[in-house]
Amino acid sequence: MTSTTFFFVFIPLLAVILLAINLIFAPHNPYQEKDNVFECGFHSFLGQNRTQFSISFFIFALLFLLFDLEILLVYPYVVSAHTNGIYGLAIMLIFFLALTLGFAFELGKNALKIDSR
């Protein structure tokens, strides 16, 4: 049996076994509040009080993810920079230019200001 065939058989079998173990041993305590749809303005369930967050924090989180993914895309270029040549350099410069223009646009729209209310 080749390793590819082994993994095509083993991975789904392992997933089914782990799901079955979870269904057997996981605590099961349903209640009415869990089955309802969560909407703004309704009472929170089981006495949990949730506070509102400013949308600015979510924008910062999205920007962090964007620039984190940028690092992931740049890393292979940096590792193989000695073999990329001028074409690879041009592609990376275009990529950095697009990111810089996007960041300048965000600064221009004041997307990074946090309102303290």
PDB file of N, CA and C in Angstrom:
ATOM      1  N   MET A   1       0.855  -1.170   0.000  1.00  0.00           N
ATOM      2  CA  MET A   1       0.000   0.000   0.000  1.00  0.00           C
ATOM      3  C   MET A   1       0.906   1.239   0.000  1.00  0.00           C
ATOM      4  N   THR A   2       0.649   2.146  -0.926  1.00  0.00           N
ATOM      5  CA  THR A   2       1.467   3.359  -0.996  1.00  0.00           C
ATOM      6  C   THR A   2       1.088   4.315   0.123  1.00  0.00           C
ATOM      7  N   SER A   3       1.943   5.271   0.364  1.00  0.00           N
ATOM      8  CA  SER A   3       1.682   6.213   1.453  1.00  0.00           C
ATOM      9  C   SER A   3       0.487   7.106   1.136  1.00  0.00           C
ATOM     10  N   THR A   4       0.275   7.441  -0.124  1.00  0.00           N
ATOM     11  CA  THR A   4      -0.877   8.271  -0.490  1.00  0.00           C
ATOM     12  C   THR A   4      -2.175   7.525  -0.240  1.00  0.00           C
ATOM     13  N   THR A   5      -2.235   6.285  -0.633  1.00  0.00           N
ATOM     14  CA  THR A   5      -3.435   5.482  -0.390  1.00  0.00           C
ATOM     15  C   THR A   5      -3.661   5.303   1.101  1.00  0.00           C
ATOM     16  N   PHE A   6      -2.587   5.085   1.825  1.00  0.00           N
ATOM     17  CA  PHE A   6      -2.695   4.938   3.272  1.00  0.00           C
ATOM     18  C   PHE A   6      -3.319   6.180   3.894  1.00  0.00           C
ATOM     19  N   PHE A   7      -2.858   7.365   3.476  1.00  0.00           N
ATOM     20  CA  PHE A   7      -3.397   8.591   4.047  1.00  0.00           C
ATOM     21  C   PHE A   7      -4.829   8.854   3.601  1.00  0.00           C
ATOM     22  N   PHE A   8      -5.197   8.475   2.372  1.00  0.00           N
ATOM     23  CA  PHE A   8      -6.586   8.640   1.937  1.00  0.00           C
ATOM     24  C   PHE A   8      -7.530   7.723   2.707  1.00  0.00           C
ATOM     25  N   VAL A   9      -7.015   6.625   3.237  1.00  0.00           N
ATOM     26  CA  VAL A   9      -7.831   5.727   4.054  1.00  0.00           C
ATOM     27  C   VAL A   9      -7.732   6.114   5.527  1.00  0.00           C
ATOM     28  N   PHE A  10      -6.533   6.430   5.992  1.00  0.00           N
ATOM     29  CA  PHE A  10      -6.301   6.668   7.412  1.00  0.00           C
ATOM     30  C   PHE A  10      -6.915   7.975   7.913  1.00  0.00           C
ATOM     31  N   ILE A  11      -6.789   9.058   7.166  1.00  0.00           N
ATOM     32  CA  ILE A  11      -7.267  10.365   7.628  1.00  0.00           C
ATOM     33  C   ILE A  11      -8.788  10.378   7.806  1.00  0.00           C
ATOM     34  N   PRO A  12      -9.598   9.938   6.826  1.00  0.00           N
ATOM     35  CA  PRO A  12     -11.048   9.917   7.076  1.00  0.00           C
ATOM     36  C   PRO A  12     -11.440   8.960   8.198  1.00  0.00           C
ATOM     37  N   LEU A  13     -10.755   7.825   8.300  1.00  0.00           N
ATOM     38  CA  LEU A  13     -11.045   6.882   9.374  1.00  0.00           C
ATOM     39  C   LEU A  13     -10.729   7.504  10.734  1.00  0.00           C
ATOM     40  N   LEU A  14      -9.613   8.190  10.843  1.00  0.00           N
ATOM     41  CA  LEU A  14      -9.257   8.872  12.084  1.00  0.00           C
ATOM     42  C   LEU A  14     -10.274   9.962  12.420  1.00  0.00           C
ATOM     43  N   ALA A  15     -10.738  10.708  11.419  1.00  0.00           N
ATOM     44  CA  ALA A  15     -11.734  11.757  11.656  1.00  0.00           C
ATOM     45  C   ALA A  15     -13.036  11.168  12.176  1.00  0.00           C
ATOM     46  N   VAL A  16     -13.482  10.065  11.603  1.00  0.00           N
ATOM     47  CA  VAL A  16     -14.722   9.421  12.051  1.00  0.00           C
ATOM     48  C   VAL A  16     -14.564   8.883  13.470  1.00  0.00           C
ATOM     49  N   ILE A  17     -13.428   8.296  13.776  1.00  0.00           N
ATOM     50  CA  ILE A  17     -13.196   7.760  15.124  1.00  0.00           C
ATOM     51  C   ILE A  17     -13.192   8.890  16.154  1.00  0.00           C
ATOM     52  N   LEU A  18     -12.517   9.990  15.856  1.00  0.00           N
ATOM     53  CA  LEU A  18     -12.472  11.110  16.798  1.00  0.00           C
ATOM     54  C   LEU A  18     -13.844  11.754  16.979  1.00  0.00           C
ATOM     55  N   LEU A  19     -14.619  11.860  15.909  1.00  0.00           N
ATOM     56  CA  LEU A  19     -15.980  12.389  16.040  1.00  0.00           C
ATOM     57  C   LEU A  19     -16.856  11.467  16.878  1.00  0.00           C
ATOM     58  N   ALA A  20     -16.699  10.161  16.692  1.00  0.00           N
ATOM     59  CA  ALA A  20     -17.481   9.214  17.490  1.00  0.00           C
ATOM     60  C   ALA A  20     -17.100   9.300  18.964  1.00  0.00           C
ATOM     61  N   ILE A  21     -15.822   9.415  19.257  1.00  0.00           N
ATOM     62  CA  ILE A  21     -15.387   9.562  20.651  1.00  0.00           C
ATOM     63  C   ILE A  21     -15.959  10.835  21.254  1.00  0.00           C
ATOM     64  N   ASN A  22     -15.979  11.909  20.479  1.00  0.00           N
ATOM     65  CA  ASN A  22     -16.543  13.162  20.968  1.00  0.00           C
ATOM     66  C   ASN A  22     -18.035  13.020  21.249  1.00  0.00           C
ATOM     67  N   LEU A  23     -18.763  12.367  20.372  1.00  0.00           N
ATOM     68  CA  LEU A  23     -20.202  12.195  20.586  1.00  0.00           C
ATOM     69  C   LEU A  23     -20.497  11.315  21.799  1.00  0.00           C
ATOM     70  N   ILE A  24     -19.645  10.350  22.055  1.00  0.00           N
ATOM     71  CA  ILE A  24     -19.882   9.440  23.177  1.00  0.00           C
ATOM     72  C   ILE A  24     -19.537  10.096  24.513  1.00  0.00           C
ATOM     73  N   PHE A  25     -18.395  10.758  24.589  1.00  0.00           N
ATOM     74  CA  PHE A  25     -17.899  11.239  25.877  1.00  0.00           C
ATOM     75  C   PHE A  25     -18.168  12.711  26.175  1.00  0.00           C
ATOM     76  N   ALA A  26     -18.636  13.479  25.220  1.00  0.00           N
ATOM     77  CA  ALA A  26     -18.869  14.911  25.455  1.00  0.00           C
ATOM     78  C   ALA A  26     -20.109  15.108  26.311  1.00  0.00           C
ATOM     79  N   PRO A  27     -20.093  16.093  27.206  1.00  0.00           N
ATOM     80  CA  PRO A  27     -21.295  16.363  28.010  1.00  0.00           C
ATOM     81  C   PRO A  27     -22.400  16.919  27.120  1.00  0.00           C
ATOM     82  N   HIS A  28     -23.598  16.478  27.388  1.00  0.00           N
ATOM     83  CA  HIS A  28     -24.741  16.896  26.584  1.00  0.00           C
ATOM     84  C   HIS A  28     -25.763  17.521  27.518  1.00  0.00           C
ATOM     85  N   ASN A  29     -25.826  18.845  27.516  1.00  0.00           N
ATOM     86  CA  ASN A  29     -26.786  19.535  28.367  1.00  0.00           C
ATOM     87  C   ASN A  29     -27.463  20.670  27.588  1.00  0.00           C
ATOM     88  N   PRO A  30     -28.410  20.322  26.744  1.00  0.00           N
ATOM     89  CA  PRO A  30     -29.084  21.360  25.961  1.00  0.00           C
ATOM     90  C   PRO A  30     -30.067  22.148  26.823  1.00  0.00           C
ATOM     91  N   TYR A  31     -30.265  23.383  26.485  1.00  0.00           N
ATOM     92  CA  TYR A  31     -31.308  24.179  27.108  1.00  0.00           C
ATOM     93  C   TYR A  31     -31.848  25.145  26.051  1.00  0.00           C
ATOM     94  N   GLN A  32     -32.961  25.750  26.350  1.00  0.00           N
ATOM     95  CA  GLN A  32     -33.710  26.516  25.366  1.00  0.00           C
ATOM     96  C   GLN A  32     -32.906  27.686  24.793  1.00  0.00           C
ATOM     97  N   GLU A  33     -32.131  28.360  25.622  1.00  0.00           N
ATOM     98  CA  GLU A  33     -31.396  29.532  25.157  1.00  0.00           C
ATOM     99  C   GLU A  33     -30.341  29.176  24.106  1.00  0.00           C
ATOM    100  N   LYS A  34     -29.766  27.987  24.190  1.00  0.00           N
ATOM    101  CA  LYS A  34     -28.764  27.582  23.211  1.00  0.00           C
ATOM    102  C   LYS A  34     -29.371  27.373  21.831  1.00  0.00           C
ATOM    103  N   ASP A  35     -30.610  26.930  21.781  1.00  0.00           N
ATOM    104  CA  ASP A  35     -31.234  26.631  20.506  1.00  0.00           C
ATOM    105  C   ASP A  35     -31.766  27.870  19.795  1.00  0.00           C
ATOM    106  N   ASN A  36     -31.908  28.975  20.522  1.00  0.00           N
ATOM    107  CA  ASN A  36     -32.432  30.193  19.920  1.00  0.00           C
ATOM    108  C   ASN A  36     -31.351  30.926  19.141  1.00  0.00           C
ATOM    109  N   VAL A  37     -31.795  31.734  18.194  1.00  0.00           N
ATOM    110  CA  VAL A  37     -30.887  32.546  17.408  1.00  0.00           C
ATOM    111  C   VAL A  37     -30.469  33.749  18.241  1.00  0.00           C
ATOM    112  N   PHE A  38     -29.185  34.076  18.225  1.00  0.00           N
ATOM    113  CA  PHE A  38     -28.710  35.237  18.982  1.00  0.00           C
ATOM    114  C   PHE A  38     -28.907  36.488  18.150  1.00  0.00           C
ATOM    115  N   GLU A  39     -29.591  37.445  18.687  1.00  0.00           N
ATOM    116  CA  GLU A  39     -29.827  38.720  18.015  1.00  0.00           C
ATOM    117  C   GLU A  39     -29.477  39.841  18.976  1.00  0.00           C
ATOM    118  N   CYS A  40     -29.118  40.967  18.447  1.00  0.00           N
ATOM    119  CA  CYS A  40     -28.834  42.128  19.288  1.00  0.00           C
ATOM    120  C   CYS A  40     -30.131  42.610  19.918  1.00  0.00           C
ATOM    121  N   GLY A  41     -30.067  42.995  21.160  1.00  0.00           N
ATOM    122  CA  GLY A  41     -31.234  43.518  21.846  1.00  0.00           C
ATOM    123  C   GLY A  41     -31.939  42.496  22.704  1.00  0.00           C
ATOM    124  N   PHE A  42     -31.653  41.225  22.516  1.00  0.00           N
ATOM    125  CA  PHE A  42     -32.264  40.202  23.348  1.00  0.00           C
ATOM    126  C   PHE A  42     -31.431  40.015  24.613  1.00  0.00           C
ATOM    127  N   HIS A  43     -32.013  39.373  25.578  1.00  0.00           N
ATOM    128  CA  HIS A  43     -31.302  39.113  26.823  1.00  0.00           C
ATOM    129  C   HIS A  43     -30.187  38.104  26.577  1.00  0.00           C
ATOM    130  N   SER A  44     -29.070  38.325  27.235  1.00  0.00           N
ATOM    131  CA  SER A  44     -27.988  37.370  27.106  1.00  0.00           C
ATOM    132  C   SER A  44     -28.333  36.112  27.898  1.00  0.00           C
ATOM    133  N   PHE A  45     -27.796  34.979  27.482  1.00  0.00           N
ATOM    134  CA  PHE A  45     -28.163  33.727  28.122  1.00  0.00           C
ATOM    135  C   PHE A  45     -27.229  33.394  29.272  1.00  0.00           C
ATOM    136  N   LEU A  46     -27.775  32.751  30.263  1.00  0.00           N
ATOM    137  CA  LEU A  46     -27.080  32.303  31.469  1.00  0.00           C
ATOM    138  C   LEU A  46     -26.374  33.441  32.205  1.00  0.00           C
ATOM    139  N   GLY A  47     -26.971  34.605  32.212  1.00  0.00           N
ATOM    140  CA  GLY A  47     -26.446  35.706  32.999  1.00  0.00           C
ATOM    141  C   GLY A  47     -25.185  36.346  32.470  1.00  0.00           C
ATOM    142  N   GLN A  48     -24.832  36.088  31.235  1.00  0.00           N
ATOM    143  CA  GLN A  48     -23.635  36.699  30.676  1.00  0.00           C
ATOM    144  C   GLN A  48     -23.981  38.093  30.174  1.00  0.00           C
ATOM    145  N   ASN A  49     -23.192  39.044  30.569  1.00  0.00           N
ATOM    146  CA  ASN A  49     -23.375  40.401  30.085  1.00  0.00           C
ATOM    147  C   ASN A  49     -22.265  40.716  29.102  1.00  0.00           C
ATOM    148  N   ARG A  50     -22.653  41.176  27.955  1.00  0.00           N
ATOM    149  CA  ARG A  50     -21.668  41.493  26.932  1.00  0.00           C
ATOM    150  C   ARG A  50     -21.616  43.000  26.744  1.00  0.00           C
ATOM    151  N   THR A  51     -20.410  43.513  26.628  1.00  0.00           N
ATOM    152  CA  THR A  51     -20.247  44.936  26.393  1.00  0.00           C
ATOM    153  C   THR A  51     -19.961  45.166  24.916  1.00  0.00           C
ATOM    154  N   GLN A  52     -20.252  46.358  24.464  1.00  0.00           N
ATOM    155  CA  GLN A  52     -20.027  46.687  23.068  1.00  0.00           C
ATOM    156  C   GLN A  52     -18.584  47.109  22.861  1.00  0.00           C
ATOM    157  N   PHE A  53     -18.024  46.704  21.735  1.00  0.00           N
ATOM    158  CA  PHE A  53     -16.684  47.107  21.358  1.00  0.00           C
ATOM    159  C   PHE A  53     -16.779  48.061  20.184  1.00  0.00           C
ATOM    160  N   SER A  54     -15.830  48.944  20.128  1.00  0.00           N
ATOM    161  CA  SER A  54     -15.765  49.858  19.000  1.00  0.00           C
ATOM    162  C   SER A  54     -15.346  49.085  17.757  1.00  0.00           C
ATOM    163  N   ILE A  55     -15.854  49.496  16.609  1.00  0.00           N
ATOM    164  CA  ILE A  55     -15.516  48.819  15.361  1.00  0.00           C
ATOM    165  C   ILE A  55     -14.040  49.016  15.019  1.00  0.00           C
ATOM    166  N   SER A  56     -13.410  50.020  15.617  1.00  0.00           N
ATOM    167  CA  SER A  56     -11.991  50.285  15.351  1.00  0.00           C
ATOM    168  C   SER A  56     -11.115  49.102  15.742  1.00  0.00           C
ATOM    169  N   PHE A  57     -11.482  48.416  16.808  1.00  0.00           N
ATOM    170  CA  PHE A  57     -10.684  47.267  17.235  1.00  0.00           C
ATOM    171  C   PHE A  57     -10.745  46.141  16.199  1.00  0.00           C
ATOM    172  N   PHE A  58     -11.893  45.960  15.579  1.00  0.00           N
ATOM    173  CA  PHE A  58     -12.004  44.939  14.543  1.00  0.00           C
ATOM    174  C   PHE A  58     -11.219  45.340  13.301  1.00  0.00           C
ATOM    175  N   ILE A  59     -11.197  46.641  12.995  1.00  0.00           N
ATOM    176  CA  ILE A  59     -10.412  47.111  11.857  1.00  0.00           C
ATOM    177  C   ILE A  59      -8.925  46.868  12.109  1.00  0.00           C
ATOM    178  N   PHE A  60      -8.476  47.127  13.339  1.00  0.00           N
ATOM    179  CA  PHE A  60      -7.082  46.844  13.670  1.00  0.00           C
ATOM    180  C   PHE A  60      -6.789  45.351  13.552  1.00  0.00           C
ATOM    181  N   ALA A  61      -7.712  44.521  13.968  1.00  0.00           N
ATOM    182  CA  ALA A  61      -7.501  43.071  13.859  1.00  0.00           C
ATOM    183  C   ALA A  61      -7.409  42.650  12.394  1.00  0.00           C
ATOM    184  N   LEU A  62      -8.269  43.209  11.550  1.00  0.00           N
ATOM    185  CA  LEU A  62      -8.211  42.878  10.127  1.00  0.00           C
ATOM    186  C   LEU A  62      -6.917  43.372   9.490  1.00  0.00           C
ATOM    187  N   LEU A  63      -6.463  44.548   9.892  1.00  0.00           N
ATOM    188  CA  LEU A  63      -5.192  45.045   9.364  1.00  0.00           C
ATOM    189  C   LEU A  63      -4.028  44.177   9.823  1.00  0.00           C
ATOM    190  N   PHE A  64      -4.084  43.711  11.063  1.00  0.00           N
ATOM    191  CA  PHE A  64      -3.044  42.805  11.538  1.00  0.00           C
ATOM    192  C   PHE A  64      -3.023  41.532  10.691  1.00  0.00           C
ATOM    193  N   LEU A  65      -4.200  40.971  10.418  1.00  0.00           N
ATOM    194  CA  LEU A  65      -4.250  39.763   9.591  1.00  0.00           C
ATOM    195  C   LEU A  65      -3.731  40.030   8.185  1.00  0.00           C
ATOM    196  N   LEU A  66      -4.070  41.191   7.635  1.00  0.00           N
ATOM    197  CA  LEU A  66      -3.611  41.534   6.293  1.00  0.00           C
ATOM    198  C   LEU A  66      -2.091  41.591   6.234  1.00  0.00           C
ATOM    199  N   PHE A  67      -1.474  42.273   7.181  1.00  0.00           N
ATOM    200  CA  PHE A  67      -0.018  42.398   7.136  1.00  0.00           C
ATOM    201  C   PHE A  67       0.677  41.119   7.595  1.00  0.00           C
ATOM    202  N   ASP A  68       0.009  40.312   8.380  1.00  0.00           N
ATOM    203  CA  ASP A  68       0.555  39.007   8.724  1.00  0.00           C
ATOM    204  C   ASP A  68       0.585  38.105   7.487  1.00  0.00           C
ATOM    205  N   LEU A  69      -0.482  38.147   6.700  1.00  0.00           N
ATOM    206  CA  LEU A  69      -0.500  37.378   5.452  1.00  0.00           C
ATOM    207  C   LEU A  69       0.515  37.924   4.458  1.00  0.00           C
ATOM    208  N   GLU A  70       0.746  39.219   4.501  1.00  0.00           N
ATOM    209  CA  GLU A  70       1.767  39.803   3.637  1.00  0.00           C
ATOM    210  C   GLU A  70       3.132  39.210   3.958  1.00  0.00           C
ATOM    211  N   ILE A  71       3.431  39.054   5.225  1.00  0.00           N
ATOM    212  CA  ILE A  71       4.711  38.460   5.609  1.00  0.00           C
ATOM    213  C   ILE A  71       4.798  37.022   5.107  1.00  0.00           C
ATOM    214  N   LEU A  72       3.683  36.308   5.171  1.00  0.00           N
ATOM    215  CA  LEU A  72       3.685  34.931   4.665  1.00  0.00           C
ATOM    216  C   LEU A  72       3.916  34.882   3.159  1.00  0.00           C
ATOM    217  N   LEU A  73       3.428  35.886   2.438  1.00  0.00           N
ATOM    218  CA  LEU A  73       3.633  35.908   0.993  1.00  0.00           C
ATOM    219  C   LEU A  73       5.036  36.382   0.612  1.00  0.00           C
ATOM    220  N   VAL A  74       5.643  37.202   1.444  1.00  0.00           N
ATOM    221  CA  VAL A  74       6.973  37.724   1.138  1.00  0.00           C
ATOM    222  C   VAL A  74       8.066  36.723   1.523  1.00  0.00           C
ATOM    223  N   TYR A  75       7.828  35.911   2.515  1.00  0.00           N
ATOM    224  CA  TYR A  75       8.854  34.995   3.017  1.00  0.00           C
ATOM    225  C   TYR A  75       9.436  34.073   1.932  1.00  0.00           C
ATOM    226  N   PRO A  76       8.620  33.436   1.081  1.00  0.00           N
ATOM    227  CA  PRO A  76       9.232  32.585   0.041  1.00  0.00           C
ATOM    228  C   PRO A  76      10.117  33.372  -0.925  1.00  0.00           C
ATOM    229  N   TYR A  77       9.744  34.623  -1.187  1.00  0.00           N
ATOM    230  CA  TYR A  77      10.603  35.433  -2.055  1.00  0.00           C
ATOM    231  C   TYR A  77      11.952  35.699  -1.392  1.00  0.00           C
ATOM    232  N   VAL A  78      11.923  36.019  -0.113  1.00  0.00           N
ATOM    233  CA  VAL A  78      13.166  36.331   0.598  1.00  0.00           C
ATOM    234  C   VAL A  78      14.074  35.106   0.646  1.00  0.00           C
ATOM    235  N   VAL A  79      13.484  33.950   0.842  1.00  0.00           N
ATOM    236  CA  VAL A  79      14.284  32.725   0.927  1.00  0.00           C
ATOM    237  C   VAL A  79      14.951  32.413  -0.410  1.00  0.00           C
ATOM    238  N   SER A  80      14.244  32.671  -1.507  1.00  0.00           N
ATOM    239  CA  SER A  80      14.798  32.341  -2.825  1.00  0.00           C
ATOM    240  C   SER A  80      15.170  33.588  -3.620  1.00  0.00           C
ATOM    241  N   ALA A  81      15.548  34.656  -2.956  1.00  0.00           N
ATOM    242  CA  ALA A  81      15.832  35.923  -3.640  1.00  0.00           C
ATOM    243  C   ALA A  81      17.025  35.811  -4.588  1.00  0.00           C
ATOM    244  N   HIS A  82      17.986  34.970  -4.275  1.00  0.00           N
ATOM    245  CA  HIS A  82      19.177  34.864  -5.121  1.00  0.00           C
ATOM    246  C   HIS A  82      18.887  34.193  -6.462  1.00  0.00           C
ATOM    247  N   THR A  83      17.761  33.491  -6.596  1.00  0.00           N
ATOM    248  CA  THR A  83      17.437  32.838  -7.865  1.00  0.00           C
ATOM    249  C   THR A  83      16.270  33.495  -8.595  1.00  0.00           C
ATOM    250  N   ASN A  84      15.648  34.501  -8.012  1.00  0.00           N
ATOM    251  CA  ASN A  84      14.462  35.093  -8.632  1.00  0.00           C
ATOM    252  C   ASN A  84      14.781  36.005  -9.805  1.00  0.00           C
ATOM    253  N   GLY A  85      15.807  36.772  -9.727  1.00  0.00           N
ATOM    254  CA  GLY A  85      16.171  37.670 -10.813  1.00  0.00           C
ATOM    255  C   GLY A  85      15.325  38.932 -10.812  1.00  0.00           C
ATOM    256  N   ILE A  86      15.371  39.635 -11.940  1.00  0.00           N
ATOM    257  CA  ILE A  86      14.679  40.914 -12.074  1.00  0.00           C
ATOM    258  C   ILE A  86      13.166  40.723 -12.088  1.00  0.00           C
ATOM    259  N   TYR A  87      12.689  39.650 -12.696  1.00  0.00           N
ATOM    260  CA  TYR A  87      11.243  39.416 -12.764  1.00  0.00           C
ATOM    261  C   TYR A  87      10.643  39.257 -11.364  1.00  0.00           C
ATOM    262  N   GLY A  88      11.281  38.486 -10.514  1.00  0.00           N
ATOM    263  CA  GLY A  88      10.796  38.309  -9.146  1.00  0.00           C
ATOM    264  C   GLY A  88      10.845  39.606  -8.363  1.00  0.00           C
ATOM    265  N   LEU A  89      11.897  40.396  -8.585  1.00  0.00           N
ATOM    266  CA  LEU A  89      12.003  41.690  -7.913  1.00  0.00           C
ATOM    267  C   LEU A  89      10.881  42.620  -8.356  1.00  0.00           C
ATOM    268  N   ALA A  90      10.570  42.619  -9.651  1.00  0.00           N
ATOM    269  CA  ALA A  90       9.490  43.473 -10.156  1.00  0.00           C
ATOM    270  C   ALA A  90       8.148  43.061  -9.567  1.00  0.00           C
ATOM    271  N   ILE A  91       7.896  41.779  -9.466  1.00  0.00           N
ATOM    272  CA  ILE A  91       6.639  41.295  -8.883  1.00  0.00           C
ATOM    273  C   ILE A  91       6.539  41.714  -7.423  1.00  0.00           C
ATOM    274  N   MET A  92       7.629  41.588  -6.669  1.00  0.00           N
ATOM    275  CA  MET A  92       7.609  41.984  -5.256  1.00  0.00           C
ATOM    276  C   MET A  92       7.428  43.488  -5.106  1.00  0.00           C
ATOM    277  N   LEU A  93       8.055  44.282  -5.982  1.00  0.00           N
ATOM    278  CA  LEU A  93       7.879  45.730  -5.914  1.00  0.00           C
ATOM    279  C   LEU A  93       6.435  46.126  -6.207  1.00  0.00           C
ATOM    280  N   ILE A  94       5.804  45.472  -7.162  1.00  0.00           N
ATOM    281  CA  ILE A  94       4.389  45.737  -7.456  1.00  0.00           C
ATOM    282  C   ILE A  94       3.524  45.343  -6.264  1.00  0.00           C
ATOM    283  N   PHE A  95       3.844  44.228  -5.644  1.00  0.00           N
ATOM    284  CA  PHE A  95       3.100  43.778  -4.464  1.00  0.00           C
ATOM    285  C   PHE A  95       3.229  44.786  -3.322  1.00  0.00           C
ATOM    286  N   PHE A  96       4.464  45.239  -3.059  1.00  0.00           N
ATOM    287  CA  PHE A  96       4.666  46.228  -1.998  1.00  0.00           C
ATOM    288  C   PHE A  96       4.021  47.563  -2.338  1.00  0.00           C
ATOM    289  N   LEU A  97       4.020  47.933  -3.606  1.00  0.00           N
ATOM    290  CA  LEU A  97       3.372  49.173  -4.017  1.00  0.00           C
ATOM    291  C   LEU A  97       1.870  49.105  -3.770  1.00  0.00           C
ATOM    292  N   ALA A  98       1.248  47.974  -4.098  1.00  0.00           N
ATOM    293  CA  ALA A  98      -0.192  47.815  -3.855  1.00  0.00           C
ATOM    294  C   ALA A  98      -0.497  47.867  -2.361  1.00  0.00           C
ATOM    295  N   LEU A  99       0.333  47.225  -1.544  1.00  0.00           N
ATOM    296  CA  LEU A  99       0.130  47.279  -0.092  1.00  0.00           C
ATOM    297  C   LEU A  99       0.329  48.684   0.458  1.00  0.00           C
ATOM    298  N   THR A 100       1.328  49.384  -0.034  1.00  0.00           N
ATOM    299  CA  THR A 100       1.582  50.744   0.435  1.00  0.00           C
ATOM    300  C   THR A 100       0.451  51.678   0.040  1.00  0.00           C
ATOM    301  N   LEU A 101      -0.058  51.543  -1.178  1.00  0.00           N
ATOM    302  CA  LEU A 101      -1.187  52.372  -1.602  1.00  0.00           C
ATOM    303  C   LEU A 101      -2.431  52.075  -0.770  1.00  0.00           C
ATOM    304  N   GLY A 102      -2.667  50.820  -0.462  1.00  0.00           N
ATOM    305  CA  GLY A 102      -3.805  50.465   0.387  1.00  0.00           C
ATOM    306  C   GLY A 102      -3.668  51.025   1.786  1.00  0.00           C
ATOM    307  N   PHE A 103      -2.461  50.969   2.329  1.00  0.00           N
ATOM    308  CA  PHE A 103      -2.227  51.513   3.670  1.00  0.00           C
ATOM    309  C   PHE A 103      -2.372  53.033   3.670  1.00  0.00           C
ATOM    310  N   ALA A 104      -1.884  53.696   2.620  1.00  0.00           N
ATOM    311  CA  ALA A 104      -2.043  55.152   2.522  1.00  0.00           C
ATOM    312  C   ALA A 104      -3.520  55.520   2.392  1.00  0.00           C
ATOM    313  N   PHE A 105      -4.281  54.714   1.671  1.00  0.00           N
ATOM    314  CA  PHE A 105      -5.722  54.960   1.550  1.00  0.00           C
ATOM    315  C   PHE A 105      -6.406  54.845   2.907  1.00  0.00           C
ATOM    316  N   GLU A 106      -6.027  53.840   3.691  1.00  0.00           N
ATOM    317  CA  GLU A 106      -6.601  53.680   5.032  1.00  0.00           C
ATOM    318  C   GLU A 106      -6.238  54.852   5.931  1.00  0.00           C
ATOM    319  N   LEU A 107      -5.009  55.326   5.835  1.00  0.00           N
ATOM    320  CA  LEU A 107      -4.618  56.495   6.617  1.00  0.00           C
ATOM    321  C   LEU A 107      -5.389  57.729   6.174  1.00  0.00           C
ATOM    322  N   GLY A 108      -5.609  57.861   4.870  1.00  0.00           N
ATOM    323  CA  GLY A 108      -6.353  59.003   4.349  1.00  0.00           C
ATOM    324  C   GLY A 108      -7.809  59.002   4.776  1.00  0.00           C
ATOM    325  N   LYS A 109      -8.389  57.837   4.934  1.00  0.00           N
ATOM    326  CA  LYS A 109      -9.790  57.719   5.360  1.00  0.00           C
ATOM    327  C   LYS A 109      -9.938  57.714   6.879  1.00  0.00           C
ATOM    328  N   ASN A 110      -8.841  57.894   7.606  1.00  0.00           N
ATOM    329  CA  ASN A 110      -8.832  57.878   9.075  1.00  0.00           C
ATOM    330  C   ASN A 110      -9.396  56.579   9.641  1.00  0.00           C
ATOM    331  N   ALA A 111      -9.074  55.484   8.997  1.00  0.00           N
ATOM    332  CA  ALA A 111      -9.571  54.188   9.458  1.00  0.00           C
ATOM    333  C   ALA A 111      -8.845  53.720  10.707  1.00  0.00           C
ATOM    334  N   LEU A 112      -7.698  54.300  11.002  1.00  0.00           N
ATOM    335  CA  LEU A 112      -6.911  53.840  12.138  1.00  0.00           C
ATOM    336  C   LEU A 112      -7.115  54.672  13.391  1.00  0.00           C
ATOM    337  N   LYS A 113      -8.020  55.625  13.357  1.00  0.00           N
ATOM    338  CA  LYS A 113      -8.298  56.421  14.554  1.00  0.00           C
ATOM    339  C   LYS A 113      -9.271  55.670  15.442  1.00  0.00           C
ATOM    340  N   ILE A 114      -8.946  55.615  16.722  1.00  0.00           N
ATOM    341  CA  ILE A 114      -9.846  54.991  17.686  1.00  0.00           C
ATOM    342  C   ILE A 114     -10.570  56.100  18.426  1.00  0.00           C
ATOM    343  N   ASP A 115     -11.885  56.099  18.326  1.00  0.00           N
ATOM    344  CA  ASP A 115     -12.687  57.083  19.039  1.00  0.00           C
ATOM    345  C   ASP A 115     -12.840  56.639  20.478  1.00  0.00           C
ATOM    346  N   SER A 116     -12.466  57.498  21.410  1.00  0.00           N
ATOM    347  CA  SER A 116     -12.630  57.163  22.827  1.00  0.00           C
ATOM    348  C   SER A 116     -13.944  57.753  23.306  1.00  0.00           C
ATOM    349  N   ARG A 117     -14.925  56.907  23.394  1.00  0.00           N
ATOM    350  CA  ARG A 117     -16.255  57.351  23.829  1.00  0.00           C
ATOM    351  C   ARG A 117     -16.557  56.804  25.182  1.00  0.00           C
TER     352      ARG A 117
END
